[in-house]
């Protein structure tokens, strides 16, 4: 499984997303990939998954198959995201 967090690093939610990723890595031993929406890769990924609110967390299988996504200021519980790792 792969966890991607799309966000604007220089914004009101930038620090919150980075802290979530750091704590998630510490607790679940899996590091989410942080992708800036200010990059071409981030913009293309947001378009591909139909993301309209930020930050967004996208969980995919290693094959790229979309599993789940969350969007908006209210981040999901880490346990909700970790459930998709099993």
PDB file of N, CA and C in Angstrom:
ATOM      1  N   UNK A   1       0.831  -1.183   0.000  1.00  0.00           N
ATOM      2  CA  UNK A   1       0.000   0.000   0.000  1.00  0.00           C
ATOM      3  C   UNK A   1       0.881   1.253   0.000  1.00  0.00           C
ATOM      4  N   UNK A   2       0.312   2.293  -0.542  1.00  0.00           N
ATOM      5  CA  UNK A   2       1.025   3.565  -0.622  1.00  0.00           C
ATOM      6  C   UNK A   2       0.092   4.661  -0.112  1.00  0.00           C
ATOM      7  N   UNK A   3       0.633   5.530   0.715  1.00  0.00           N
ATOM      8  CA  UNK A   3      -0.130   6.657   1.245  1.00  0.00           C
ATOM      9  C   UNK A   3       0.514   7.934   0.733  1.00  0.00           C
ATOM     10  N   UNK A   4      -0.292   8.760   0.065  1.00  0.00           N
ATOM     11  CA  UNK A   4       0.191  10.034  -0.464  1.00  0.00           C
ATOM     12  C   UNK A   4      -0.610  11.149   0.187  1.00  0.00           C
ATOM     13  N   UNK A   5       0.083  12.171   0.626  1.00  0.00           N
ATOM     14  CA  UNK A   5      -0.569  13.348   1.200  1.00  0.00           C
ATOM     15  C   UNK A   5      -0.293  14.528   0.274  1.00  0.00           C
ATOM     16  N   UNK A   6      -1.355  15.035  -0.358  1.00  0.00           N
ATOM     17  CA  UNK A   6      -1.256  16.207  -1.228  1.00  0.00           C
ATOM     18  C   UNK A   6      -1.567  17.453  -0.413  1.00  0.00           C
ATOM     19  N   UNK A   7      -0.690  18.431  -0.474  1.00  0.00           N
ATOM     20  CA  UNK A   7      -0.897  19.636   0.334  1.00  0.00           C
ATOM     21  C   UNK A   7      -0.072  20.793  -0.194  1.00  0.00           C
ATOM     22  N   UNK A   8      -0.382  21.977   0.321  1.00  0.00           N
ATOM     23  CA  UNK A   8       0.409  23.172   0.041  1.00  0.00           C
ATOM     24  C   UNK A   8       1.344  23.363   1.232  1.00  0.00           C
ATOM     25  N   UNK A   9       2.649  23.152   1.060  1.00  0.00           N
ATOM     26  CA  UNK A   9       3.585  23.265   2.184  1.00  0.00           C
ATOM     27  C   UNK A   9       3.557  24.628   2.887  1.00  0.00           C
ATOM     28  N   UNK A  10       3.397  25.697   2.122  1.00  0.00           N
ATOM     29  CA  UNK A  10       3.378  27.034   2.722  1.00  0.00           C
ATOM     30  C   UNK A  10       1.922  27.489   2.802  1.00  0.00           C
ATOM     31  N   UNK A  11       1.238  26.945   3.805  1.00  0.00           N
ATOM     32  CA  UNK A  11      -0.170  27.285   4.021  1.00  0.00           C
ATOM     33  C   UNK A  11      -0.508  27.016   5.478  1.00  0.00           C
ATOM     34  N   UNK A  12      -1.761  27.315   5.846  1.00  0.00           N
ATOM     35  CA  UNK A  12      -2.175  27.089   7.229  1.00  0.00           C
ATOM     36  C   UNK A  12      -2.224  25.606   7.588  1.00  0.00           C
ATOM     37  N   UNK A  13      -2.341  24.721   6.601  1.00  0.00           N
ATOM     38  CA  UNK A  13      -2.382  23.292   6.918  1.00  0.00           C
ATOM     39  C   UNK A  13      -1.040  22.587   6.684  1.00  0.00           C
ATOM     40  N   UNK A  14      -0.047  23.283   6.193  1.00  0.00           N
ATOM     41  CA  UNK A  14       1.249  22.675   5.904  1.00  0.00           C
ATOM     42  C   UNK A  14       1.879  21.984   7.097  1.00  0.00           C
ATOM     43  N   UNK A  15       1.943  22.677   8.198  1.00  0.00           N
ATOM     44  CA  UNK A  15       2.574  22.113   9.398  1.00  0.00           C
ATOM     45  C   UNK A  15       1.768  20.931   9.939  1.00  0.00           C
ATOM     46  N   UNK A  16       0.438  21.055   9.909  1.00  0.00           N
ATOM     47  CA  UNK A  16      -0.434  19.987  10.406  1.00  0.00           C
ATOM     48  C   UNK A  16      -0.213  18.697   9.606  1.00  0.00           C
ATOM     49  N   UNK A  17      -0.098  18.807   8.294  1.00  0.00           N
ATOM     50  CA  UNK A  17       0.128  17.649   7.433  1.00  0.00           C
ATOM     51  C   UNK A  17       1.493  17.030   7.719  1.00  0.00           C
ATOM     52  N   UNK A  18       2.511  17.851   7.849  1.00  0.00           N
ATOM     53  CA  UNK A  18       3.855  17.343   8.110  1.00  0.00           C
ATOM     54  C   UNK A  18       3.937  16.661   9.475  1.00  0.00           C
ATOM     55  N   UNK A  19       3.258  17.202  10.482  1.00  0.00           N
ATOM     56  CA  UNK A  19       3.230  16.564  11.798  1.00  0.00           C
ATOM     57  C   UNK A  19       2.469  15.244  11.753  1.00  0.00           C
ATOM     58  N   UNK A  20       1.357  15.200  11.030  1.00  0.00           N
ATOM     59  CA  UNK A  20       0.590  13.966  10.863  1.00  0.00           C
ATOM     60  C   UNK A  20       1.488  12.893  10.249  1.00  0.00           C
ATOM     61  N   UNK A  21       2.198  13.239   9.172  1.00  0.00           N
ATOM     62  CA  UNK A  21       3.073  12.283   8.480  1.00  0.00           C
ATOM     63  C   UNK A  21       4.181  11.789   9.395  1.00  0.00           C
ATOM     64  N   UNK A  22       4.768  12.687  10.163  1.00  0.00           N
ATOM     65  CA  UNK A  22       5.850  12.320  11.079  1.00  0.00           C
ATOM     66  C   UNK A  22       5.352  11.352  12.153  1.00  0.00           C
ATOM     67  N   UNK A  23       4.209  11.670  12.759  1.00  0.00           N
ATOM     68  CA  UNK A  23       3.637  10.810  13.799  1.00  0.00           C
ATOM     69  C   UNK A  23       3.164   9.480  13.222  1.00  0.00           C
ATOM     70  N   UNK A  24       2.586   9.514  12.041  1.00  0.00           N
ATOM     71  CA  UNK A  24       2.120   8.286  11.397  1.00  0.00           C
ATOM     72  C   UNK A  24       3.304   7.350  11.165  1.00  0.00           C
ATOM     73  N   UNK A  25       4.408   7.892  10.692  1.00  0.00           N
ATOM     74  CA  UNK A  25       5.618   7.105  10.463  1.00  0.00           C
ATOM     75  C   UNK A  25       6.133   6.512  11.767  1.00  0.00           C
ATOM     76  N   UNK A  26       6.151   7.308  12.806  1.00  0.00           N
ATOM     77  CA  UNK A  26       6.646   6.838  14.097  1.00  0.00           C
ATOM     78  C   UNK A  26       5.778   5.708  14.659  1.00  0.00           C
ATOM     79  N   UNK A  27       4.474   5.853  14.567  1.00  0.00           N
ATOM     80  CA  UNK A  27       3.551   4.882  15.168  1.00  0.00           C
ATOM     81  C   UNK A  27       3.367   3.641  14.299  1.00  0.00           C
ATOM     82  N   UNK A  28       3.227   3.825  12.998  1.00  0.00           N
ATOM     83  CA  UNK A  28       2.862   2.713  12.112  1.00  0.00           C
ATOM     84  C   UNK A  28       4.006   2.203  11.243  1.00  0.00           C
ATOM     85  N   UNK A  29       5.176   2.805  11.360  1.00  0.00           N
ATOM     86  CA  UNK A  29       6.363   2.365  10.629  1.00  0.00           C
ATOM     87  C   UNK A  29       6.186   2.372   9.109  1.00  0.00           C
ATOM     88  N   UNK A  30       5.318   3.254   8.645  1.00  0.00           N
ATOM     89  CA  UNK A  30       5.101   3.453   7.211  1.00  0.00           C
ATOM     90  C   UNK A  30       5.092   4.951   6.962  1.00  0.00           C
ATOM     91  N   UNK A  31       5.924   5.383   6.032  1.00  0.00           N
ATOM     92  CA  UNK A  31       6.053   6.817   5.781  1.00  0.00           C
ATOM     93  C   UNK A  31       5.160   7.266   4.624  1.00  0.00           C
ATOM     94  N   UNK A  32       4.198   8.143   4.912  1.00  0.00           N
ATOM     95  CA  UNK A  32       3.394   8.700   3.817  1.00  0.00           C
ATOM     96  C   UNK A  32       4.270   9.561   2.913  1.00  0.00           C
ATOM     97  N   UNK A  33       3.964   9.561   1.648  1.00  0.00           N
ATOM     98  CA  UNK A  33       4.683  10.403   0.699  1.00  0.00           C
ATOM     99  C   UNK A  33       4.023  11.779   0.691  1.00  0.00           C
ATOM    100  N   UNK A  34       4.776  12.806   0.995  1.00  0.00           N
ATOM    101  CA  UNK A  34       4.265  14.174   0.976  1.00  0.00           C
ATOM    102  C   UNK A  34       4.508  14.762  -0.412  1.00  0.00           C
ATOM    103  N   UNK A  35       3.428  15.206  -1.051  1.00  0.00           N
ATOM    104  CA  UNK A  35       3.534  15.759  -2.407  1.00  0.00           C
ATOM    105  C   UNK A  35       2.944  17.161  -2.406  1.00  0.00           C
ATOM    106  N   UNK A  36       3.743  18.111  -2.790  1.00  0.00           N
ATOM    107  CA  UNK A  36       3.305  19.500  -2.863  1.00  0.00           C
ATOM    108  C   UNK A  36       2.410  19.703  -4.086  1.00  0.00           C
ATOM    109  N   UNK A  37       1.312  20.392  -3.869  1.00  0.00           N
ATOM    110  CA  UNK A  37       0.415  20.729  -4.968  1.00  0.00           C
ATOM    111  C   UNK A  37       1.012  21.806  -5.867  1.00  0.00           C
ATOM    112  N   UNK A  38       2.113  22.373  -5.444  1.00  0.00           N
ATOM    113  CA  UNK A  38       2.776  23.407  -6.226  1.00  0.00           C
ATOM    114  C   UNK A  38       3.764  22.820  -7.224  1.00  0.00           C
ATOM    115  N   UNK A  39       3.799  21.476  -7.294  1.00  0.00           N
ATOM    116  CA  UNK A  39       4.648  20.803  -8.276  1.00  0.00           C
ATOM    117  C   UNK A  39       3.777  20.228  -9.379  1.00  0.00           C
ATOM    118  N   UNK A  40       4.392  19.941 -10.513  1.00  0.00           N
ATOM    119  CA  UNK A  40       3.656  19.345 -11.627  1.00  0.00           C
ATOM    120  C   UNK A  40       3.087  17.991 -11.212  1.00  0.00           C
ATOM    121  N   UNK A  41       3.895  17.200 -10.518  1.00  0.00           N
ATOM    122  CA  UNK A  41       3.456  15.878 -10.052  1.00  0.00           C
ATOM    123  C   UNK A  41       2.226  15.995  -9.149  1.00  0.00           C
ATOM    124  N   UNK A  42       2.263  16.938  -8.204  1.00  0.00           N
ATOM    125  CA  UNK A  42       1.143  17.130  -7.291  1.00  0.00           C
ATOM    126  C   UNK A  42      -0.121  17.578  -7.999  1.00  0.00           C
ATOM    127  N   UNK A  43       0.009  18.503  -8.929  1.00  0.00           N
ATOM    128  CA  UNK A  43      -1.151  18.996  -9.681  1.00  0.00           C
ATOM    129  C   UNK A  43      -1.758  17.891 -10.535  1.00  0.00           C
ATOM    130  N   UNK A  44      -0.913  17.084 -11.175  1.00  0.00           N
ATOM    131  CA  UNK A  44      -1.409  15.973 -11.996  1.00  0.00           C
ATOM    132  C   UNK A  44      -2.093  14.908 -11.144  1.00  0.00           C
ATOM    133  N   UNK A  45      -1.524  14.622  -9.981  1.00  0.00           N
ATOM    134  CA  UNK A  45      -2.108  13.628  -9.096  1.00  0.00           C
ATOM    135  C   UNK A  45      -3.472  14.092  -8.584  1.00  0.00           C
ATOM    136  N   UNK A  46      -3.585  15.366  -8.230  1.00  0.00           N
ATOM    137  CA  UNK A  46      -4.863  15.915  -7.763  1.00  0.00           C
ATOM    138  C   UNK A  46      -5.917  15.800  -8.865  1.00  0.00           C
ATOM    139  N   UNK A  47      -5.525  16.081 -10.082  1.00  0.00           N
ATOM    140  CA  UNK A  47      -6.458  15.987 -11.206  1.00  0.00           C
ATOM    141  C   UNK A  47      -6.859  14.530 -11.452  1.00  0.00           C
ATOM    142  N   UNK A  48      -5.891  13.631 -11.397  1.00  0.00           N
ATOM    143  CA  UNK A  48      -6.146  12.222 -11.668  1.00  0.00           C
ATOM    144  C   UNK A  48      -7.146  11.617 -10.667  1.00  0.00           C
ATOM    145  N   UNK A  49      -7.030  12.014  -9.388  1.00  0.00           N
ATOM    146  CA  UNK A  49      -7.901  11.469  -8.349  1.00  0.00           C
ATOM    147  C   UNK A  49      -9.108  12.359  -8.051  1.00  0.00           C
ATOM    148  N   UNK A  50      -9.264  13.454  -8.790  1.00  0.00           N
ATOM    149  CA  UNK A  50     -10.418  14.323  -8.614  1.00  0.00           C
ATOM    150  C   UNK A  50     -10.449  15.059  -7.288  1.00  0.00           C
ATOM    151  N   UNK A  51      -9.276  15.385  -6.763  1.00  0.00           N
ATOM    152  CA  UNK A  51      -9.185  16.079  -5.486  1.00  0.00           C
ATOM    153  C   UNK A  51      -9.617  17.534  -5.668  1.00  0.00           C
ATOM    154  N   UNK A  52     -10.543  17.987  -4.792  1.00  0.00           N
ATOM    155  CA  UNK A  52     -11.012  19.371  -4.883  1.00  0.00           C
ATOM    156  C   UNK A  52     -10.793  20.147  -3.585  1.00  0.00           C
ATOM    157  N   UNK A  53     -10.472  19.446  -2.487  1.00  0.00           N
ATOM    158  CA  UNK A  53     -10.186  20.114  -1.216  1.00  0.00           C
ATOM    159  C   UNK A  53      -8.828  19.645  -0.701  1.00  0.00           C
ATOM    160  N   UNK A  54      -8.160  20.536  -0.003  1.00  0.00           N
ATOM    161  CA  UNK A  54      -6.814  20.232   0.484  1.00  0.00           C
ATOM    162  C   UNK A  54      -6.728  20.485   1.976  1.00  0.00           C
ATOM    163  N   UNK A  55      -5.902  19.732   2.661  1.00  0.00           N
ATOM    164  CA  UNK A  55      -5.047  18.662   2.173  1.00  0.00           C
ATOM    165  C   UNK A  55      -5.864  17.431   1.809  1.00  0.00           C
ATOM    166  N   UNK A  56      -5.227  16.507   1.114  1.00  0.00           N
ATOM    167  CA  UNK A  56      -5.877  15.258   0.732  1.00  0.00           C
ATOM    168  C   UNK A  56      -4.933  14.099   1.033  1.00  0.00           C
ATOM    169  N   UNK A  57      -5.504  13.002   1.496  1.00  0.00           N
ATOM    170  CA  UNK A  57      -4.745  11.777   1.734  1.00  0.00           C
ATOM    171  C   UNK A  57      -5.320  10.728   0.794  1.00  0.00           C
ATOM    172  N   UNK A  58      -4.445  10.113   0.021  1.00  0.00           N
ATOM    173  CA  UNK A  58      -4.861   9.098  -0.950  1.00  0.00           C
ATOM    174  C   UNK A  58      -4.130   7.800  -0.635  1.00  0.00           C
ATOM    175  N   UNK A  59      -4.894   6.710  -0.535  1.00  0.00           N
ATOM    176  CA  UNK A  59      -4.314   5.393  -0.296  1.00  0.00           C
ATOM    177  C   UNK A  59      -4.512   4.565  -1.561  1.00  0.00           C
ATOM    178  N   UNK A  60      -3.428   3.993  -2.060  1.00  0.00           N
ATOM    179  CA  UNK A  60      -3.494   3.138  -3.247  1.00  0.00           C
ATOM    180  C   UNK A  60      -2.763   1.830  -2.969  1.00  0.00           C
ATOM    181  N   UNK A  61      -3.108   0.834  -3.751  1.00  0.00           N
ATOM    182  CA  UNK A  61      -2.342  -0.417  -3.722  1.00  0.00           C
ATOM    183  C   UNK A  61      -1.022  -0.150  -4.434  1.00  0.00           C
ATOM    184  N   UNK A  62      -0.057  -1.041  -4.282  1.00  0.00           N
ATOM    185  CA  UNK A  62       1.222  -0.877  -4.969  1.00  0.00           C
ATOM    186  C   UNK A  62       1.041  -0.842  -6.482  1.00  0.00           C
ATOM    187  N   UNK A  63      -0.018  -1.482  -6.975  1.00  0.00           N
ATOM    188  CA  UNK A  63      -0.305  -1.504  -8.410  1.00  0.00           C
ATOM    189  C   UNK A  63      -0.868  -0.166  -8.912  1.00  0.00           C
ATOM    190  N   UNK A  64      -1.240   0.731  -7.969  1.00  0.00           N
ATOM    191  CA  UNK A  64      -1.802   2.029  -8.335  1.00  0.00           C
ATOM    192  C   UNK A  64      -3.307   2.095  -8.175  1.00  0.00           C
ATOM    193  N   UNK A  65      -3.939   0.962  -7.863  1.00  0.00           N
ATOM    194  CA  UNK A  65      -5.390   0.931  -7.684  1.00  0.00           C
ATOM    195  C   UNK A  65      -5.816   1.805  -6.507  1.00  0.00           C
ATOM    196  N   UNK A  66      -6.756   2.682  -6.748  1.00  0.00           N
ATOM    197  CA  UNK A  66      -7.253   3.608  -5.724  1.00  0.00           C
ATOM    198  C   UNK A  66      -8.043   2.840  -4.674  1.00  0.00           C
ATOM    199  N   UNK A  67      -7.725   3.075  -3.391  1.00  0.00           N
ATOM    200  CA  UNK A  67      -8.418   2.401  -2.294  1.00  0.00           C
ATOM    201  C   UNK A  67      -9.350   3.356  -1.544  1.00  0.00           C
ATOM    202  N   UNK A  68      -8.807   4.501  -1.122  1.00  0.00           N
ATOM    203  CA  UNK A  68      -9.577   5.430  -0.286  1.00  0.00           C
ATOM    204  C   UNK A  68      -8.907   6.790  -0.350  1.00  0.00           C
ATOM    205  N   UNK A  69      -9.704   7.834  -0.131  1.00  0.00           N
ATOM    206  CA  UNK A  69      -9.113   9.165   0.002  1.00  0.00           C
ATOM    207  C   UNK A  69      -9.952  10.016   0.934  1.00  0.00           C
ATOM    208  N   UNK A  70      -9.263  10.930   1.583  1.00  0.00           N
ATOM    209  CA  UNK A  70      -9.885  11.906   2.472  1.00  0.00           C
ATOM    210  C   UNK A  70      -9.457  13.275   1.984  1.00  0.00           C
ATOM    211  N   UNK A  71     -10.359  14.249   2.089  1.00  0.00           N
ATOM    212  CA  UNK A  71     -10.056  15.608   1.648  1.00  0.00           C
ATOM    213  C   UNK A  71     -10.535  16.618   2.669  1.00  0.00           C
ATOM    214  N   UNK A  72      -9.827  17.728   2.754  1.00  0.00           N
ATOM    215  CA  UNK A  72     -10.248  18.837   3.594  1.00  0.00           C
ATOM    216  C   UNK A  72      -9.425  18.984   4.857  1.00  0.00           C
ATOM    217  N   UNK A  73      -9.714  20.069   5.575  1.00  0.00           N
ATOM    218  CA  UNK A  73      -8.941  20.432   6.770  1.00  0.00           C
ATOM    219  C   UNK A  73      -8.985  19.405   7.891  1.00  0.00           C
ATOM    220  N   UNK A  74     -10.081  18.680   8.015  1.00  0.00           N
ATOM    221  CA  UNK A  74     -10.220  17.709   9.090  1.00  0.00           C
ATOM    222  C   UNK A  74      -9.574  16.394   8.663  1.00  0.00           C
ATOM    223  N   UNK A  75      -8.353  16.165   9.141  1.00  0.00           N
ATOM    224  CA  UNK A  75      -7.641  14.947   8.777  1.00  0.00           C
ATOM    225  C   UNK A  75      -8.278  13.746   9.463  1.00  0.00           C
ATOM    226  N   UNK A  76      -8.227  12.575   8.828  1.00  0.00           N
ATOM    227  CA  UNK A  76      -8.794  11.376   9.448  1.00  0.00           C
ATOM    228  C   UNK A  76      -7.936  10.927  10.633  1.00  0.00           C
ATOM    229  N   UNK A  77      -8.470  10.037  11.431  1.00  0.00           N
ATOM    230  CA  UNK A  77      -7.680   9.437  12.499  1.00  0.00           C
ATOM    231  C   UNK A  77      -6.589   8.575  11.865  1.00  0.00           C
ATOM    232  N   UNK A  78      -5.433   8.519  12.509  1.00  0.00           N
ATOM    233  CA  UNK A  78      -4.344   7.710  11.974  1.00  0.00           C
ATOM    234  C   UNK A  78      -4.757   6.250  11.857  1.00  0.00           C
ATOM    235  N   UNK A  79      -5.569   5.774  12.800  1.00  0.00           N
ATOM    236  CA  UNK A  79      -6.031   4.383  12.767  1.00  0.00           C
ATOM    237  C   UNK A  79      -6.881   4.111  11.527  1.00  0.00           C
ATOM    238  N   UNK A  80      -7.658   5.102  11.081  1.00  0.00           N
ATOM    239  CA  UNK A  80      -8.457   4.940   9.866  1.00  0.00           C
ATOM    240  C   UNK A  80      -7.572   4.733   8.645  1.00  0.00           C
ATOM    241  N   UNK A  81      -6.517   5.521   8.564  1.00  0.00           N
ATOM    242  CA  UNK A  81      -5.598   5.417   7.439  1.00  0.00           C
ATOM    243  C   UNK A  81      -4.818   4.100   7.540  1.00  0.00           C
ATOM    244  N   UNK A  82      -4.348   3.766   8.726  1.00  0.00           N
ATOM    245  CA  UNK A  82      -3.549   2.552   8.935  1.00  0.00           C
ATOM    246  C   UNK A  82      -4.351   1.288   8.636  1.00  0.00           C
ATOM    247  N   UNK A  83      -5.664   1.336   8.776  1.00  0.00           N
ATOM    248  CA  UNK A  83      -6.491   0.163   8.501  1.00  0.00           C
ATOM    249  C   UNK A  83      -6.324  -0.314   7.061  1.00  0.00           C
ATOM    250  N   UNK A  84      -5.990   0.584   6.158  1.00  0.00           N
ATOM    251  CA  UNK A  84      -5.815   0.222   4.756  1.00  0.00           C
ATOM    252  C   UNK A  84      -4.446  -0.390   4.480  1.00  0.00           C
ATOM    253  N   UNK A  85      -3.566  -0.397   5.458  1.00  0.00           N
ATOM    254  CA  UNK A  85      -2.243  -0.980   5.276  1.00  0.00           C
ATOM    255  C   UNK A  85      -2.274  -2.493   5.399  1.00  0.00           C
ATOM    256  N   UNK A  86      -3.345  -3.024   5.955  1.00  0.00           N
ATOM    257  CA  UNK A  86      -3.419  -4.476   6.205  1.00  0.00           C
ATOM    258  C   UNK A  86      -3.972  -5.229   5.037  1.00  0.00           C
TER     259      UNK A  86
END
